[in-house]
Structure formats: structure tokens, C-alpha cells
Amino acid sequence: MAELVEVRDDKGHFMKMKKYDGRYYVNHFIGNVKDHLAAIEAMNVRDDDTFVVSYPKSGTHWTYTIVNMLRKEETTYPGSLTFLDYTDMETLDNLPSPRVFATHMTFDLLPKQVKEGKGKIVTVFRNPKDVFTSLELFARKMDHEEMKKNYNTTWESFFEFFMDGRIFYGSWFDHIQSWDKVRREHKGNNIQYLIYEDMKQDLRSYVQKLALFLGVSSETEFLEAVTDKCTFRNMADEATKEFTPSEQWKAVMKDKRLPIYRKGEIGDWKNHFTVAQSDYFDEVYTEKMKNSSFTFRFV
């Protein structure tokens, strides 16, 4: 069973999270973690199911929106994502096909059937300096008494927790290393790997690439429409206006708006990192990523 744990820095800043089997989870992960993970493992996967997998703040909502439009062959913004992590199994089982799920969990915690090759996995990665920056600024927007009981951090303390891996969903470096292992060992052809920075540079090509991977319509006019709808500017403006946040989101946000889309820029970390933090990050990155098959652009 999961336990509620607290991590602290030497100045008293803290984060409270669920911890199970050596991994950290956000507090709203379903139930005691153990039982929900078991239910996910045994989940009945359909042939047209798609799982969008990412570390937090790596382009999850963006990629999910593209995949959802392609799967359903319509250019309507999906609104709130269906997360495996935070949705009970009865609700997941009763969703109509084609189902698109999001998760921040790693490959080893996905349903057994999808690991065996059923359904499709789309996984997206982003350079970790921008991931951290986006994650810290996202957490800073939270304004709710329950949130304040669980998170009391500064940029510096959040940086320490992130670099140590004492953060929800654990170390970014461990996340990437786990996918390196999958890339080497997984025998199926049901995984599409995406890099956030590459998608930003040439979204149209990646929309087409995803359409081919998913086996859906690749008609030019439709793909152009999906690309236009899913530019970051349109996602930040139109999607936010069209989607009414759930009461859960409204309760924790200062401006009562959907908090997902901020800048989406490559290299925004430079506006926030100190030179010392950047240098230390580079040292850790060089060591931990020296054997990785994934490469990232930071500007």
C-alpha cells in the first residue's frame, strides 16, 4: 500500500506525496496506488486504444489533443484528458472507442496487453531544463488550502527535489533511462517516439507521421486542419476559451482558468536558471545521459 511521505530541504520547504514500491506519486493518484496499478496491469486493451505517455510538462496535453483529433477524425478540442493515473477503472472500461488515454507512468506500469503489442503508445520527451521550469511555474499557480498543506516550495527547493528525484513521478533522468531500455528491448512495433522540440519545429510533418502510425486518415485537408488547431498559439487561446475547467481545476487555480498552456517555448529556462544551477544541471545531465539514445535541444 502507498504511504504518505514528506520530503524536505534544510530550510523547511517540503512536498507531501504518495510513495509506493520506491516511487513517488501525486496525492490524487487513485486510491492506495497498489490496487489501481494492479487494475491497470490487468486492463482489457482494445485494438484502437492509444496511450499518450510522458513525464509531466513534456507536451502531454498538446500531444494528446493531436492524437485525439486524429483518432476521432475531427478537429474538436477534447478538453480534460483521460488520465489512467487519476480515473477509476469502471470509468475507463465504459469509455466509447476509440479511447485515448494519458499517463505520466513509465512503460513497465502500462497494461500487460499494450506491453505485448496491443493498441498504440505515443511517448513524447522534452529537454529537462524546460520541463523543470514549466513544472515549477505550474506548481506556483496552485492556490488552494489543501495544495498548500502538501506543497511549500521555492524555486531553489523545487530544483533540489527535482535533481534528487524526490518529486512526483520521480527522476526525469530515470524516466528517460527506462525508455532507453524499452527502445532497446521492446519487440513490438506499437510505440511512436516523439521529441517536443522537433514537433515545435515542424508540426505538420509530425501530424502526418502520427496519422500514418495510428492508421487513420492522412487526407491533406484534414491534416492541415489538425495542424492549425494544434499550433501552440491556437491551443493556448482557442482551446482554453472553448474548454470550461472542471470544478477541481477552478478550486486550485488563482485565475480559475485551465493552467496547462503557458509559453511552450524552447529555451525559456534561460530566463529562470542561475548560472550555477545551469552548470550543475549540465554536469548531472552529461553524466546520466552519456549512454542515452535520446538527444535534446535546449535552445
Protein backbone atom coordinates (compact mmCIF):
# COMPACT_ATOMS: atom_id res chain seq x y z
CA MET A 1 0.00 0.00 0.00
CA ALA A 2 1.10 3.55 -0.60
CA GLU A 3 2.30 5.67 2.28
CA LEU A 4 2.09 9.44 2.58
CA VAL A 5 5.65 10.75 2.73
CA GLU A 6 7.17 14.18 3.13
CA VAL A 7 10.45 15.33 1.56
CA ARG A 8 12.15 18.41 2.98
CA ASP A 9 15.13 20.62 2.31
CA ASP A 10 17.30 22.08 5.07
CA LYS A 11 15.25 25.31 5.07
CA GLY A 12 11.97 23.57 5.88
CA HIS A 13 10.41 23.62 2.42
CA PHE A 14 8.53 20.41 1.72
CA MET A 15 6.44 18.28 -0.61
CA LYS A 16 4.00 15.60 0.52
CA MET A 17 3.35 12.75 -1.89
CA LYS A 18 2.23 9.16 -2.05
CA LYS A 19 5.05 6.62 -2.21
CA TYR A 20 4.69 3.01 -3.27
CA ASP A 21 7.32 0.44 -4.21
CA GLY A 22 10.05 3.07 -4.12
CA ARG A 23 8.25 5.53 -6.46
CA TYR A 24 6.62 8.89 -5.77
CA TYR A 25 3.09 9.70 -6.95
CA VAL A 26 0.86 12.77 -6.72
CA ASN A 27 -1.69 12.66 -3.93
CA HIS A 28 -4.68 12.39 -6.27
CA PHE A 29 -3.39 9.16 -7.82
CA ILE A 30 -6.28 6.70 -7.43
CA GLY A 31 -6.64 5.02 -4.03
CA ASN A 32 -3.75 3.24 -2.37
CA VAL A 33 -1.77 3.14 -5.66
CA LYS A 34 -1.13 -0.62 -5.38
CA ASP A 35 -4.68 -1.68 -6.26
CA HIS A 36 -5.04 0.82 -9.10
CA LEU A 37 -1.71 -0.24 -10.61
CA ALA A 38 -2.90 -3.86 -10.48
CA ALA A 39 -6.15 -2.89 -12.22
CA ILE A 40 -4.22 -1.03 -14.93
CA GLU A 41 -1.94 -4.04 -15.40
CA ALA A 42 -4.98 -6.28 -15.99
CA MET A 43 -6.86 -3.74 -18.13
CA ASN A 44 -8.61 -5.04 -21.25
CA VAL A 45 -6.95 -3.12 -24.09
CA ARG A 46 -8.81 -2.57 -27.36
CA ASP A 47 -7.09 -2.62 -30.74
CA ASP A 48 -7.79 1.09 -31.32
CA ASP A 49 -6.72 2.27 -27.85
CA THR A 50 -3.94 4.88 -27.78
CA PHE A 51 -1.78 5.68 -24.75
CA VAL A 52 -0.02 9.08 -24.67
CA VAL A 53 2.87 8.68 -22.24
CA SER A 54 5.15 11.42 -20.94
CA TYR A 55 6.94 12.90 -17.95
CA PRO A 56 4.91 15.85 -16.56
CA LYS A 57 5.16 19.13 -18.52
CA SER A 58 6.66 17.49 -21.61
CA GLY A 59 3.84 18.25 -24.04
CA THR A 60 1.25 15.81 -22.71
CA HIS A 61 -1.89 17.87 -23.41
CA TRP A 62 -0.57 19.03 -26.75
CA THR A 63 0.25 15.53 -27.97
CA TYR A 64 -2.96 14.11 -26.52
CA THR A 65 -5.00 16.72 -28.40
CA ILE A 66 -3.31 15.88 -31.72
CA VAL A 67 -3.76 12.13 -31.19
CA ASN A 68 -7.37 12.54 -30.10
CA MET A 69 -8.24 14.59 -33.21
CA LEU A 70 -6.54 12.05 -35.47
CA ARG A 71 -8.11 9.04 -33.80
CA LYS A 72 -11.62 10.51 -33.85
CA GLU A 73 -11.11 12.19 -37.23
CA GLU A 74 -12.48 15.51 -36.01
CA THR A 75 -10.89 18.84 -35.11
CA THR A 76 -12.68 19.38 -31.81
CA TYR A 77 -10.59 20.11 -28.72
CA PRO A 78 -11.02 17.23 -26.25
CA GLY A 79 -10.87 19.35 -23.11
CA SER A 80 -9.89 17.46 -19.98
CA LEU A 81 -7.63 14.48 -20.59
CA THR A 82 -8.48 10.94 -19.56
CA PHE A 83 -5.59 10.00 -17.29
CA LEU A 84 -5.03 6.38 -16.35
CA ASP A 85 -3.45 7.67 -13.16
CA TYR A 86 -6.47 9.60 -11.86
CA THR A 87 -9.51 7.80 -13.35
CA ASP A 88 -11.22 4.78 -11.81
CA MET A 89 -11.22 1.58 -13.82
CA GLU A 90 -15.01 1.40 -14.22
CA THR A 91 -14.99 4.78 -15.95
CA LEU A 92 -12.07 3.77 -18.17
CA ASP A 93 -13.76 0.50 -19.15
CA ASN A 94 -17.01 2.23 -20.10
CA LEU A 95 -15.49 4.84 -22.42
CA PRO A 96 -16.54 4.50 -26.07
CA SER A 97 -13.98 3.64 -28.72
CA PRO A 98 -11.64 4.93 -29.92
CA ARG A 99 -10.20 5.62 -26.47
CA VAL A 100 -7.21 7.91 -25.92
CA PHE A 101 -5.51 7.82 -22.53
CA ALA A 102 -2.78 9.93 -20.98
CA THR A 103 -0.34 8.87 -18.28
CA HIS A 104 2.87 10.03 -16.63
CA MET A 105 3.82 6.47 -15.70
CA THR A 106 6.62 4.54 -17.35
CA PHE A 107 6.25 1.64 -19.80
CA ASP A 108 6.58 -1.07 -17.13
CA LEU A 109 3.40 0.16 -15.40
CA LEU A 110 1.21 0.17 -18.52
CA PRO A 111 -1.41 -2.56 -19.15
CA LYS A 112 0.05 -6.00 -19.82
CA GLN A 113 -1.73 -6.25 -23.17
CA VAL A 114 -0.31 -2.99 -24.52
CA LYS A 115 3.19 -4.07 -23.47
CA GLU A 116 2.56 -7.21 -25.51
CA GLY A 117 1.78 -5.12 -28.59
CA LYS A 118 -1.96 -4.43 -28.48
CA GLY A 119 -3.06 -0.82 -29.01
CA LYS A 120 -0.66 2.06 -29.67
CA ILE A 121 1.74 4.04 -27.48
CA VAL A 122 2.80 7.60 -28.29
CA THR A 123 5.52 8.83 -25.97
CA VAL A 124 6.87 12.39 -26.00
CA PHE A 125 10.04 13.78 -24.40
CA ARG A 126 11.18 17.35 -23.77
CA ASN A 127 14.51 18.86 -22.74
CA PRO A 128 14.68 18.69 -18.93
CA LYS A 129 15.57 22.31 -18.23
CA ASP A 130 12.32 23.47 -19.83
CA VAL A 131 10.48 20.57 -18.16
CA PHE A 132 11.66 21.72 -14.76
CA THR A 133 10.91 25.39 -15.48
CA SER A 134 7.38 24.62 -16.68
CA LEU A 135 6.74 22.26 -13.78
CA GLU A 136 7.89 24.72 -11.12
CA LEU A 137 5.89 27.61 -12.57
CA PHE A 138 2.86 25.34 -12.93
CA ALA A 139 3.07 24.34 -9.26
CA ARG A 140 3.39 28.01 -8.30
CA LYS A 141 -0.04 28.75 -9.81
CA MET A 142 -1.79 26.45 -7.36
CA ASP A 143 -3.80 28.41 -4.80
CA HIS A 144 -5.81 26.12 -2.56
CA GLU A 145 -5.59 25.29 1.14
CA GLU A 146 -5.24 21.55 0.50
CA MET A 147 -2.47 22.21 -2.02
CA LYS A 148 -0.65 24.45 0.45
CA LYS A 149 -0.75 21.65 3.03
CA ASN A 150 1.06 19.38 0.59
CA TYR A 151 3.45 21.77 -1.18
CA ASN A 152 5.57 24.52 0.32
CA THR A 153 8.41 25.13 -2.11
CA THR A 154 10.58 27.79 -3.65
CA TRP A 155 12.42 27.71 -6.99
CA GLU A 156 15.55 26.60 -5.12
CA SER A 157 13.88 23.85 -3.08
CA PHE A 158 11.95 22.57 -6.10
CA PHE A 159 15.22 22.47 -8.04
CA GLU A 160 16.80 20.39 -5.27
CA PHE A 161 13.87 17.95 -5.18
CA PHE A 162 13.84 17.65 -8.97
CA MET A 163 17.56 16.97 -9.27
CA ASP A 164 17.40 14.39 -6.46
CA GLY A 165 14.37 12.67 -7.98
CA ARG A 166 12.38 13.33 -4.80
CA ILE A 167 9.39 14.57 -6.77
CA PHE A 168 6.12 13.19 -8.10
CA TYR A 169 6.82 10.59 -10.79
CA GLY A 170 10.44 10.56 -9.73
CA SER A 171 13.60 11.47 -11.58
CA TRP A 172 13.37 12.75 -15.14
CA PHE A 173 16.67 11.02 -15.80
CA ASP A 174 15.30 7.68 -14.58
CA HIS A 175 12.25 8.21 -16.78
CA ILE A 176 14.42 8.66 -19.88
CA GLN A 177 16.68 5.75 -18.97
CA SER A 178 13.66 3.49 -18.60
CA TRP A 179 12.56 4.40 -22.14
CA ASP A 180 16.06 3.80 -23.45
CA LYS A 181 15.69 0.25 -22.13
CA VAL A 182 12.31 -0.12 -23.85
CA ARG A 183 13.74 1.19 -27.10
CA ARG A 184 16.43 -1.48 -26.97
CA GLU A 185 14.32 -4.42 -25.79
CA HIS A 186 10.68 -3.97 -26.85
CA LYS A 187 9.91 -6.29 -29.77
CA GLY A 188 6.59 -4.76 -30.81
CA ASN A 189 6.03 -2.05 -33.41
CA ASN A 190 3.35 -0.19 -31.43
CA ILE A 191 5.44 2.67 -29.99
CA GLN A 192 5.98 6.08 -31.59
CA TYR A 193 8.74 8.19 -30.00
CA LEU A 194 8.43 11.98 -30.26
CA ILE A 195 10.68 14.87 -29.23
CA TYR A 196 8.89 18.07 -28.18
CA GLU A 197 11.45 20.39 -29.77
CA ASP A 198 11.24 18.60 -33.12
CA MET A 199 7.44 18.86 -33.08
CA LYS A 200 7.67 22.59 -32.40
CA GLN A 201 9.98 23.00 -35.39
CA ASP A 202 7.85 21.09 -37.91
CA LEU A 203 4.42 20.26 -36.51
CA ARG A 204 2.84 19.44 -39.87
CA SER A 205 5.30 16.63 -40.57
CA TYR A 206 4.70 15.09 -37.16
CA VAL A 207 0.93 15.27 -37.52
CA GLN A 208 1.31 13.27 -40.73
CA LYS A 209 3.74 10.89 -39.06
CA LEU A 210 1.25 10.25 -36.26
CA ALA A 211 -1.60 9.72 -38.72
CA LEU A 212 0.41 7.04 -40.51
CA PHE A 213 1.42 5.42 -37.22
CA LEU A 214 -2.19 5.33 -35.99
CA GLY A 215 -3.52 4.13 -39.33
CA VAL A 216 -6.06 6.93 -39.64
CA SER A 217 -6.99 9.43 -42.33
CA SER A 218 -3.99 11.11 -43.97
CA GLU A 219 -6.12 13.29 -46.24
CA THR A 220 -4.22 16.55 -46.73
CA GLU A 221 -7.02 18.98 -45.85
CA PHE A 222 -7.77 17.14 -42.60
CA LEU A 223 -4.12 17.04 -41.55
CA GLU A 224 -3.76 20.74 -42.32
CA ALA A 225 -6.78 21.48 -40.14
CA VAL A 226 -5.41 19.40 -37.25
CA THR A 227 -2.05 21.14 -37.55
CA ASP A 228 -3.66 24.58 -37.49
CA LYS A 229 -5.82 23.72 -34.48
CA CYS A 230 -2.80 22.35 -32.62
CA THR A 231 -0.29 25.16 -33.03
CA PHE A 232 0.67 26.31 -29.57
CA ARG A 233 -0.89 29.73 -30.06
CA ASN A 234 -4.24 28.26 -31.01
CA MET A 235 -4.05 25.68 -28.23
CA ALA A 236 -3.35 28.40 -25.67
CA ASP A 237 -6.07 30.73 -27.00
CA GLU A 238 -8.88 28.72 -28.57
CA ALA A 239 -8.63 25.53 -26.54
CA THR A 240 -8.60 27.45 -23.26
CA LYS A 241 -11.62 29.51 -24.30
CA GLU A 242 -13.59 26.51 -25.59
CA PHE A 243 -12.90 24.33 -22.58
CA THR A 244 -14.53 25.08 -19.24
CA PRO A 245 -12.24 23.83 -16.46
CA SER A 246 -13.69 21.29 -14.07
CA GLU A 247 -14.59 22.42 -10.57
CA GLN A 248 -11.44 20.62 -9.40
CA TRP A 249 -9.27 22.90 -11.56
CA LYS A 250 -11.22 26.02 -10.63
CA ALA A 251 -10.73 25.27 -6.96
CA VAL A 252 -6.95 25.22 -7.12
CA MET A 253 -6.13 27.95 -9.66
CA LYS A 254 -5.70 31.62 -8.85
CA ASP A 255 -7.27 32.84 -12.11
CA LYS A 256 -9.80 29.94 -12.37
CA ARG A 257 -8.50 29.12 -15.86
CA LEU A 258 -7.14 25.93 -17.35
CA PRO A 259 -3.47 26.07 -16.23
CA ILE A 260 -1.95 23.84 -18.90
CA TYR A 261 -0.68 26.21 -21.58
CA ARG A 262 1.91 28.83 -20.65
CA LYS A 263 4.61 29.74 -23.20
CA GLY A 264 5.55 26.44 -24.80
CA GLU A 265 8.87 27.97 -25.83
CA ILE A 266 12.16 26.18 -26.29
CA GLY A 267 14.81 27.70 -24.03
CA ASP A 268 12.57 29.57 -21.58
CA TRP A 269 14.70 28.02 -18.82
CA LYS A 270 17.34 30.68 -19.58
CA ASN A 271 15.00 33.31 -18.09
CA HIS A 272 14.92 31.48 -14.75
CA PHE A 273 18.06 29.40 -14.10
CA THR A 274 21.06 30.91 -12.35
CA VAL A 275 24.45 30.27 -13.94
CA ALA A 276 25.35 27.95 -11.06
CA GLN A 277 22.14 25.96 -11.43
CA SER A 278 22.61 25.63 -15.18
CA ASP A 279 26.22 24.47 -14.76
CA TYR A 280 25.25 21.91 -12.12
CA PHE A 281 22.37 20.69 -14.27
CA ASP A 282 24.74 20.29 -17.23
CA GLU A 283 27.12 18.19 -15.13
CA VAL A 284 24.36 15.85 -13.99
CA TYR A 285 22.87 15.67 -17.49
CA THR A 286 26.22 14.82 -19.08
CA GLU A 287 26.83 12.01 -16.62
CA LYS A 288 23.36 10.47 -16.61
CA MET A 289 22.73 10.80 -20.34
CA LYS A 290 26.12 9.69 -21.63
CA ASN A 291 24.75 6.38 -22.92
CA SER A 292 21.29 7.59 -23.92
CA SER A 293 19.86 7.18 -27.40
CA PHE A 294 17.81 10.36 -26.90
CA THR A 295 19.23 13.81 -27.59
CA PHE A 296 17.66 17.18 -26.80
CA ARG A 297 17.94 20.78 -27.91
CA PHE A 298 17.94 23.32 -25.09
CA VAL A 299 17.59 26.46 -27.24
